[in-house]
Amino acid sequence: MSKLPRQAIEAEDPTVALEQVHPAKPLSSADAELSTVFEQLAQRLSEQHQVNRGVMVVCDDSSRELGVVSVWDERGMKEGLTLTLPSEDSLFHQVVKDGRQYVQQKLSKFSGNFFERKLLLEAATSSMVLMPLTSKEQVVGLVGFSSVANGSIQEIVGEEFLATTSVLAGLIESKIY
């Protein structure tokens, strides 16, 4: 069974605007619960650490492709979508492969691809974090957050953040494996 819960939209051409991906309703209560936990985490991080963007990605168990399932910004959630991310020059794929957190403070040197930049960054972004979601010693996805406030990203990786990312990993694992 594929880990990507919905029909994937291939995004190989960097000229395709992300806004062309239209969110749909979650297909099940498990989808809704996953999005709800992610949205609550994003809002909490926004209030406490000035995070202004977030993305949740799941990893397909057979192909190891990454699919974006939820995007959050200060205007709210975009959920119920799956945008398959290209693996070329992909920082997201590298984080999943390594299974380690990635924090970057100087984003003029962002090492991800066009789609990752569009999903997570804006012109004023100063820092970001990518956290792999691990369940049963396997990376099942990742969450990423960015902030326009200097230094705020370094402060978010605490017990509450790790506990919530563990919950997200468990929800993904129970749904797609």
Protein backbone atom coordinates (compact mmCIF):
# COMPACT_ATOMS: atom_id res chain seq x y z
CA MET A 1 0.00 0.00 0.00
CA SER A 2 1.28 3.44 -0.86
CA LYS A 3 2.11 5.81 1.95
CA LEU A 4 0.73 8.75 0.02
CA PRO A 5 -2.92 8.78 1.07
CA ARG A 6 -4.34 10.62 -1.92
CA GLN A 7 -3.75 10.96 -5.63
CA ALA A 8 -0.31 12.47 -6.17
CA ILE A 9 0.31 15.47 -8.39
CA GLU A 10 3.69 15.22 -10.05
CA ALA A 11 5.59 18.49 -9.85
CA GLU A 12 8.64 18.20 -12.06
CA ASP A 13 8.41 21.57 -13.83
CA PRO A 14 9.56 24.39 -11.52
CA THR A 15 7.47 26.87 -13.48
CA VAL A 16 4.25 25.25 -12.20
CA ALA A 17 2.83 27.47 -9.47
CA LEU A 18 2.10 25.80 -6.15
CA GLU A 19 -1.19 27.68 -6.08
CA GLN A 20 -2.41 25.36 -8.87
CA VAL A 21 -2.67 22.54 -6.32
CA HIS A 22 -6.19 22.81 -4.95
CA PRO A 23 -6.82 21.42 -1.48
CA ALA A 24 -9.53 18.80 -1.09
CA LYS A 25 -11.42 17.56 1.95
CA PRO A 26 -9.62 14.93 4.04
CA LEU A 27 -10.62 11.42 2.99
CA SER A 28 -10.94 9.97 6.46
CA SER A 29 -11.04 10.88 10.13
CA ALA A 30 -7.38 9.79 10.34
CA ASP A 31 -6.51 12.45 7.74
CA ALA A 32 -8.43 15.07 9.70
CA GLU A 33 -6.77 14.09 12.98
CA LEU A 34 -3.30 14.28 11.42
CA SER A 35 -4.01 17.73 9.98
CA THR A 36 -5.54 18.90 13.27
CA VAL A 37 -2.46 17.90 15.29
CA PHE A 38 -0.18 19.57 12.74
CA GLU A 39 -2.30 22.75 12.72
CA GLN A 40 -2.31 22.93 16.52
CA LEU A 41 1.47 22.53 16.60
CA ALA A 42 1.93 25.23 13.94
CA GLN A 43 -0.35 27.68 15.75
CA ARG A 44 1.42 27.07 19.07
CA LEU A 45 4.82 27.62 17.45
CA SER A 46 3.48 30.78 15.80
CA GLU A 47 2.33 32.20 19.13
CA GLN A 48 5.40 31.17 21.14
CA HIS A 49 8.24 31.45 18.61
CA GLN A 50 7.02 33.65 15.76
CA VAL A 51 6.90 30.76 13.27
CA ASN A 52 5.06 31.93 10.17
CA ARG A 53 5.08 28.90 7.83
CA GLY A 54 4.91 25.15 8.20
CA VAL A 55 4.73 22.08 6.00
CA MET A 56 4.01 18.41 6.71
CA VAL A 57 5.33 15.75 4.35
CA VAL A 58 4.80 11.97 4.29
CA CYS A 59 7.13 9.41 2.78
CA ASP A 60 5.79 6.72 0.42
CA ASP A 61 6.78 3.32 1.86
CA SER A 62 7.56 1.65 -1.47
CA SER A 63 8.90 4.41 -3.72
CA ARG A 64 10.35 6.64 -0.97
CA GLU A 65 8.77 9.64 -2.71
CA LEU A 66 7.81 12.57 -0.53
CA GLY A 67 4.33 14.02 -0.64
CA VAL A 68 3.22 17.31 0.90
CA VAL A 69 -0.07 16.71 2.75
CA SER A 70 -0.53 19.95 4.73
CA VAL A 71 0.76 23.49 4.45
CA TRP A 72 0.21 26.10 7.15
CA ASP A 73 0.83 29.82 7.19
CA GLU A 74 -0.55 32.74 9.17
CA ARG A 75 -3.69 32.72 6.99
CA GLY A 76 -4.51 29.11 7.93
CA MET A 77 -4.21 25.53 6.67
CA LYS A 78 -4.16 24.04 3.22
CA GLU A 79 -4.83 20.35 3.72
CA GLY A 80 -6.05 17.32 1.87
CA LEU A 81 -3.47 17.68 -0.88
CA THR A 82 -0.54 15.60 -1.98
CA LEU A 83 2.14 17.28 -4.02
CA THR A 84 4.89 14.80 -4.90
CA LEU A 85 8.21 16.57 -4.47
CA PRO A 86 11.05 16.09 -6.94
CA SER A 87 14.12 14.48 -5.42
CA GLU A 88 16.66 16.53 -7.38
CA ASP A 89 18.50 19.02 -5.13
CA SER A 90 16.08 18.12 -2.35
CA LEU A 91 16.86 19.11 1.20
CA PHE A 92 13.64 17.36 2.33
CA HIS A 93 14.81 14.05 0.80
CA GLN A 94 18.19 14.47 2.49
CA VAL A 95 16.57 14.98 5.92
CA VAL A 96 14.45 11.83 5.43
CA LYS A 97 17.52 9.86 4.29
CA ASP A 98 19.68 11.05 7.20
CA GLY A 99 16.88 10.89 9.78
CA ARG A 100 18.25 13.96 11.56
CA GLN A 101 16.92 17.41 12.34
CA TYR A 102 18.11 20.24 10.13
CA VAL A 103 18.26 23.88 11.28
CA GLN A 104 19.39 26.72 9.05
CA GLN A 105 19.83 30.32 10.17
CA LYS A 106 21.21 32.04 7.07
CA LEU A 107 18.75 31.32 4.31
CA SER A 108 20.64 33.07 1.57
CA LYS A 109 22.39 29.69 1.30
CA PHE A 110 19.22 27.53 1.23
CA SER A 111 20.19 24.17 -0.22
CA GLY A 112 16.75 22.86 -1.16
CA ASN A 113 14.97 22.93 -4.50
CA PHE A 114 12.48 25.42 -5.95
CA PHE A 115 9.40 23.65 -4.53
CA GLU A 116 10.82 23.38 -1.02
CA ARG A 117 11.68 27.08 -1.09
CA LYS A 118 8.15 28.00 -2.24
CA LEU A 119 6.53 25.78 0.41
CA LEU A 120 8.56 26.92 3.39
CA LEU A 121 10.22 30.26 2.76
CA GLU A 122 9.29 33.81 1.92
CA ALA A 123 11.51 36.80 1.17
CA ALA A 124 11.85 37.85 4.83
CA THR A 125 12.44 34.37 6.29
CA SER A 126 15.50 34.28 8.51
CA SER A 127 15.53 30.69 9.84
CA MET A 128 13.96 27.25 9.41
CA VAL A 129 13.88 23.78 10.93
CA LEU A 130 13.14 20.41 9.33
CA MET A 131 12.33 17.57 11.73
CA PRO A 132 12.06 13.98 10.53
CA LEU A 133 9.01 12.11 11.82
CA THR A 134 10.19 8.72 13.00
CA SER A 135 8.07 5.76 14.03
CA LYS A 136 9.49 2.35 14.89
CA GLU A 137 12.95 3.52 13.83
CA GLN A 138 11.75 4.42 10.33
CA VAL A 139 11.32 7.93 8.95
CA VAL A 140 7.68 8.23 7.83
CA GLY A 141 7.73 11.93 6.99
CA LEU A 142 8.87 15.32 8.17
CA VAL A 143 7.63 18.67 9.36
CA GLY A 144 9.26 21.96 8.54
CA PHE A 145 8.77 25.40 10.04
CA SER A 146 10.21 28.79 9.21
CA SER A 147 10.29 32.19 10.85
CA VAL A 148 11.04 35.76 9.94
CA ALA A 149 12.28 36.40 13.49
CA ASN A 150 16.00 35.96 14.07
CA GLY A 151 16.91 33.10 16.37
CA SER A 152 13.36 31.93 17.11
CA ILE A 153 13.79 28.56 15.37
CA GLN A 154 16.60 27.48 17.70
CA GLU A 155 14.23 27.81 20.65
CA ILE A 156 11.42 25.52 19.39
CA VAL A 157 13.08 22.13 19.61
CA GLY A 158 12.07 21.18 23.13
CA GLU A 159 10.14 18.38 24.84
CA GLU A 160 6.71 19.61 23.73
CA PHE A 161 7.83 19.89 20.10
CA LEU A 162 9.41 16.43 20.16
CA ALA A 163 6.33 14.91 21.83
CA THR A 164 4.02 16.39 19.20
CA THR A 165 6.23 15.26 16.32
CA SER A 166 6.15 11.76 17.84
CA VAL A 167 2.35 11.88 17.84
CA LEU A 168 2.37 12.95 14.18
CA ALA A 169 4.77 10.11 13.28
CA GLY A 170 2.54 7.59 15.05
CA LEU A 171 -0.55 8.87 13.23
CA ILE A 172 1.22 8.65 9.87
CA GLU A 173 2.55 5.18 10.64
CA SER A 174 -0.85 3.85 11.71
CA LYS A 175 -2.48 5.24 8.59
CA ILE A 176 -0.11 4.33 5.82
CA TYR A 177 1.94 1.29 6.80
